[in-house]
C-alpha atoms as a PDB file:
ATOM      1  CA  MET A   1      52.686 143.241 125.017  1.00  0.00           C
ATOM      2  CA  ALA A   2      53.864 145.271 122.018  1.00  0.00           C
ATOM      3  CA  THR A   3      52.488 148.474 123.555  1.00  0.00           C
ATOM      4  CA  GLY A   4      54.442 147.765 126.730  1.00  0.00           C
ATOM      5  CA  ARG A   5      57.648 147.728 124.739  1.00  0.00           C
ATOM      6  CA  LEU A   6      56.742 151.059 123.142  1.00  0.00           C
ATOM      7  CA  ARG A   7      57.039 152.706 126.544  1.00  0.00           C
ATOM      8  CA  ARG A   8      60.793 152.174 126.412  1.00  0.00           C
ATOM      9  CA  TYR A   9      62.605 155.205 125.049  1.00  0.00           C
ATOM     10  CA  ASP A  10      65.130 153.252 122.988  1.00  0.00           C
ATOM     11  CA  VAL A  11      62.290 151.425 121.206  1.00  0.00           C
ATOM     12  CA  GLN A  12      60.567 154.753 120.539  1.00  0.00           C
ATOM     13  CA  ALA A  13      63.839 156.068 119.121  1.00  0.00           C
ATOM     14  CA  THR A  14      64.157 153.104 116.765  1.00  0.00           C
ATOM     15  CA  TYR A  15      60.552 153.421 115.568  1.00  0.00           C
ATOM     16  CA  ALA A  16      61.002 157.175 115.072  1.00  0.00           C
ATOM     17  CA  CYS A  17      64.097 156.634 112.955  1.00  0.00           C
ATOM     18  CA  VAL A  18      62.534 153.909 110.801  1.00  0.00           C
ATOM     19  CA  LEU A  19      59.259 155.777 110.256  1.00  0.00           C
ATOM     20  CA  ALA A  20      61.072 158.974 109.322  1.00  0.00           C
ATOM     21  CA  ILE A  21      63.178 157.165 106.747  1.00  0.00           C
ATOM     22  CA  VAL A  22      60.114 155.350 105.369  1.00  0.00           C
ATOM     23  CA  SER A  23      58.274 158.660 104.899  1.00  0.00           C
ATOM     24  CA  VAL A  24      60.927 159.942 102.491  1.00  0.00           C
ATOM     25  CA  ALA A  25      59.968 157.598  99.607  1.00  0.00           C
ATOM     26  CA  PRO A  26      56.334 158.742  99.145  1.00  0.00           C
ATOM     27  CA  PHE A  27      57.461 162.362  99.539  1.00  0.00           C
ATOM     28  CA  ALA A  28      60.026 161.849  96.771  1.00  0.00           C
ATOM     29  CA  ALA A  29      57.294 160.306  94.594  1.00  0.00           C
ATOM     30  CA  ALA A  30      55.068 163.356  95.161  1.00  0.00           C
ATOM     31  CA  VAL A  31      57.923 165.699  94.239  1.00  0.00           C
ATOM     32  CA  TRP A  32      58.586 163.650  91.108  1.00  0.00           C
ATOM     33  CA  LEU A  33      54.907 163.853  90.116  1.00  0.00           C
ATOM     34  CA  ILE A  34      54.912 167.626  90.500  1.00  0.00           C
ATOM     35  CA  LEU A  35      58.159 168.124  88.603  1.00  0.00           C
ATOM     36  CA  ARG A  36      57.035 165.802  85.815  1.00  0.00           C
ATOM     37  CA  ASN A  37      53.871 167.840  85.147  1.00  0.00           C
ATOM     38  CA  LEU A  38      55.248 171.301  85.894  1.00  0.00           C
ATOM     39  CA  ASN A  39      55.192 173.653  82.914  1.00  0.00           C
ATOM     40  CA  ARG A  40      57.958 176.132  83.647  1.00  0.00           C
ATOM     41  CA  ASP A  41      56.768 178.638  81.036  1.00  0.00           C
ATOM     42  CA  LEU A  42      53.263 178.851  82.491  1.00  0.00           C
ATOM     43  CA  ARG A  43      54.474 178.175  86.048  1.00  0.00           C
ATOM     44  CA  GLN A  44      51.641 175.724  86.578  1.00  0.00           C
ATOM     45  CA  VAL A  45      51.151 172.019  87.176  1.00  0.00           C
ATOM     46  CA  ILE A  46      49.166 170.764  84.201  1.00  0.00           C
ATOM     47  CA  TYR A  47      47.210 167.516  84.327  1.00  0.00           C
ATOM     48  CA  SER A  48      44.020 165.998  82.932  1.00  0.00           C
ATOM     49  CA  ALA A  49      40.811 166.309  84.923  1.00  0.00           C
ATOM     50  CA  GLU A  50      39.843 162.715  84.084  1.00  0.00           C
ATOM     51  CA  GLY A  51      43.154 161.159  85.081  1.00  0.00           C
ATOM     52  CA  LEU A  52      44.372 159.844  88.401  1.00  0.00           C
ATOM     53  CA  PHE A  53      47.088 162.455  88.904  1.00  0.00           C
ATOM     54  CA  GLU A  54      45.393 164.362  91.705  1.00  0.00           C
ATOM     55  CA  PRO A  55      44.313 161.325  93.783  1.00  0.00           C
ATOM     56  CA  VAL A  56      47.727 159.686  93.382  1.00  0.00           C
ATOM     57  CA  PHE A  57      49.507 162.909  94.358  1.00  0.00           C
ATOM     58  CA  LEU A  58      47.303 163.441  97.410  1.00  0.00           C
ATOM     59  CA  GLY A  59      47.725 159.770  98.331  1.00  0.00           C
ATOM     60  CA  CYS A  60      51.514 160.171  98.233  1.00  0.00           C
ATOM     61  CA  ILE A  61      51.240 163.212 100.489  1.00  0.00           C
ATOM     62  CA  LEU A  62      49.014 161.368 102.984  1.00  0.00           C
ATOM     63  CA  VAL A  63      51.150 158.216 102.952  1.00  0.00           C
ATOM     64  CA  SER A  64      54.190 160.385 103.593  1.00  0.00           C
ATOM     65  CA  ILE A  65      52.771 162.705 106.237  1.00  0.00           C
ATOM     66  CA  ALA A  66      51.367 159.985 108.527  1.00  0.00           C
ATOM     67  CA  PRO A  67      54.612 158.128 109.364  1.00  0.00           C
ATOM     68  CA  ALA A  68      56.551 161.407 109.398  1.00  0.00           C
ATOM     69  CA  ALA A  69      54.194 162.887 111.987  1.00  0.00           C
ATOM     70  CA  ILE A  70      54.403 159.745 114.123  1.00  0.00           C
ATOM     71  CA  ALA A  71      58.202 159.781 113.817  1.00  0.00           C
ATOM     72  CA  PHE A  72      58.257 163.428 114.861  1.00  0.00           C
ATOM     73  CA  LEU A  73      56.158 162.700 117.951  1.00  0.00           C
ATOM     74  CA  LEU A  74      58.119 159.587 118.925  1.00  0.00           C
ATOM     75  CA  GLY A  75      61.409 161.406 118.432  1.00  0.00           C
ATOM     76  CA  TRP A  76      60.164 164.318 120.493  1.00  0.00           C
ATOM     77  CA  SER A  77      59.010 161.977 123.243  1.00  0.00           C
ATOM     78  CA  SER A  78      62.249 160.018 123.496  1.00  0.00           C
ATOM     79  CA  ALA A  79      64.919 162.620 122.730  1.00  0.00           C
ATOM     80  CA  GLY A  80      66.805 163.822 125.774  1.00  0.00           C
ATOM     81  CA  GLN A  81      65.573 161.077 128.079  1.00  0.00           C
ATOM     82  CA  ARG A  82      68.208 159.668 130.413  1.00  0.00           C
ATOM     83  CA  ARG A  83      67.090 156.072 129.883  1.00  0.00           C
ATOM     84  CA  ASN A  84      67.364 156.374 126.090  1.00  0.00           C
ATOM     85  CA  ASP A  85      70.599 154.743 124.986  1.00  0.00           C
ATOM     86  CA  LYS A  86      69.980 155.648 121.299  1.00  0.00           C
ATOM     87  CA  PRO A  87      69.501 159.442 121.293  1.00  0.00           C
ATOM     88  CA  GLY A  88      70.793 159.801 117.721  1.00  0.00           C
ATOM     89  CA  ARG A  89      67.846 157.836 116.420  1.00  0.00           C
ATOM     90  CA  SER A  90      65.471 160.018 118.411  1.00  0.00           C
ATOM     91  CA  TRP A  91      66.922 163.203 116.983  1.00  0.00           C
ATOM     92  CA  LEU A  92      66.942 161.799 113.455  1.00  0.00           C
ATOM     93  CA  GLY A  93      63.272 160.829 113.760  1.00  0.00           C
ATOM     94  CA  PHE A  94      62.432 164.204 115.273  1.00  0.00           C
ATOM     95  CA  PHE A  95      64.183 166.379 112.694  1.00  0.00           C
ATOM     96  CA  LEU A  96      63.588 164.252 109.592  1.00  0.00           C
ATOM     97  CA  GLY A  97      59.957 163.619 110.522  1.00  0.00           C
ATOM     98  CA  GLY A  98      59.339 167.300 111.206  1.00  0.00           C
ATOM     99  CA  SER A  99      61.049 168.285 107.963  1.00  0.00           C
ATOM    100  CA  ILE A 100      59.026 165.840 105.877  1.00  0.00           C
ATOM    101  CA  VAL A 101      55.753 167.025 107.473  1.00  0.00           C
ATOM    102  CA  THR A 102      56.710 170.627 106.698  1.00  0.00           C
ATOM    103  CA  PHE A 103      57.755 169.829 103.130  1.00  0.00           C
ATOM    104  CA  ASP A 104      54.545 167.839 102.554  1.00  0.00           C
ATOM    105  CA  VAL A 105      52.402 170.775 103.669  1.00  0.00           C
ATOM    106  CA  VAL A 106      54.390 173.212 101.508  1.00  0.00           C
ATOM    107  CA  LEU A 107      54.183 170.865  98.502  1.00  0.00           C
ATOM    108  CA  ALA A 108      50.410 170.428  98.908  1.00  0.00           C
ATOM    109  CA  ILE A 109      49.897 174.201  99.172  1.00  0.00           C
ATOM    110  CA  ALA A 110      52.099 174.781  96.124  1.00  0.00           C
ATOM    111  CA  PHE A 111      50.154 172.159  94.185  1.00  0.00           C
ATOM    112  CA  PHE A 112      46.794 173.752  94.943  1.00  0.00           C
ATOM    113  CA  MET A 113      48.113 177.193  94.069  1.00  0.00           C
ATOM    114  CA  LEU A 114      49.740 176.107  90.789  1.00  0.00           C
ATOM    115  CA  GLN A 115      47.265 173.548  89.465  1.00  0.00           C
ATOM    116  CA  LEU A 116      45.689 173.831  86.023  1.00  0.00           C
ATOM    117  CA  LYS A 117      43.258 171.098  85.012  1.00  0.00           C
ATOM    118  CA  GLN A 118      42.804 170.402  81.328  1.00  0.00           C
ATOM    119  CA  GLY A 119      39.590 168.944  79.972  1.00  0.00           C
ATOM    120  CA  SER A 120      36.213 168.704  81.648  1.00  0.00           C
END
């Protein structure tokens, strides 16, 4: 029954909006982790090889990219439909979800290019 409701465009718009907003928090946590360990003189992200920094950072990226991608797809599906009475939510989910996915990919690439592990 829940999947039947998801066929409605206004429900897709609401889910897109909520998922896009939810994806911002783990993205902000990933940015905070990078900025906390960024050495501006060396221009590298410095962290211990034995610590949990890398798994926590990658977990934040994954937890952020999944709802953002779903929000992007739901927003794309429902935006511009005549039977959608909440098009603003569709567009918010589409643009915010797409932006968060893009920023997550850029942040992950920057992390792997700037990483410097200390220790064994």
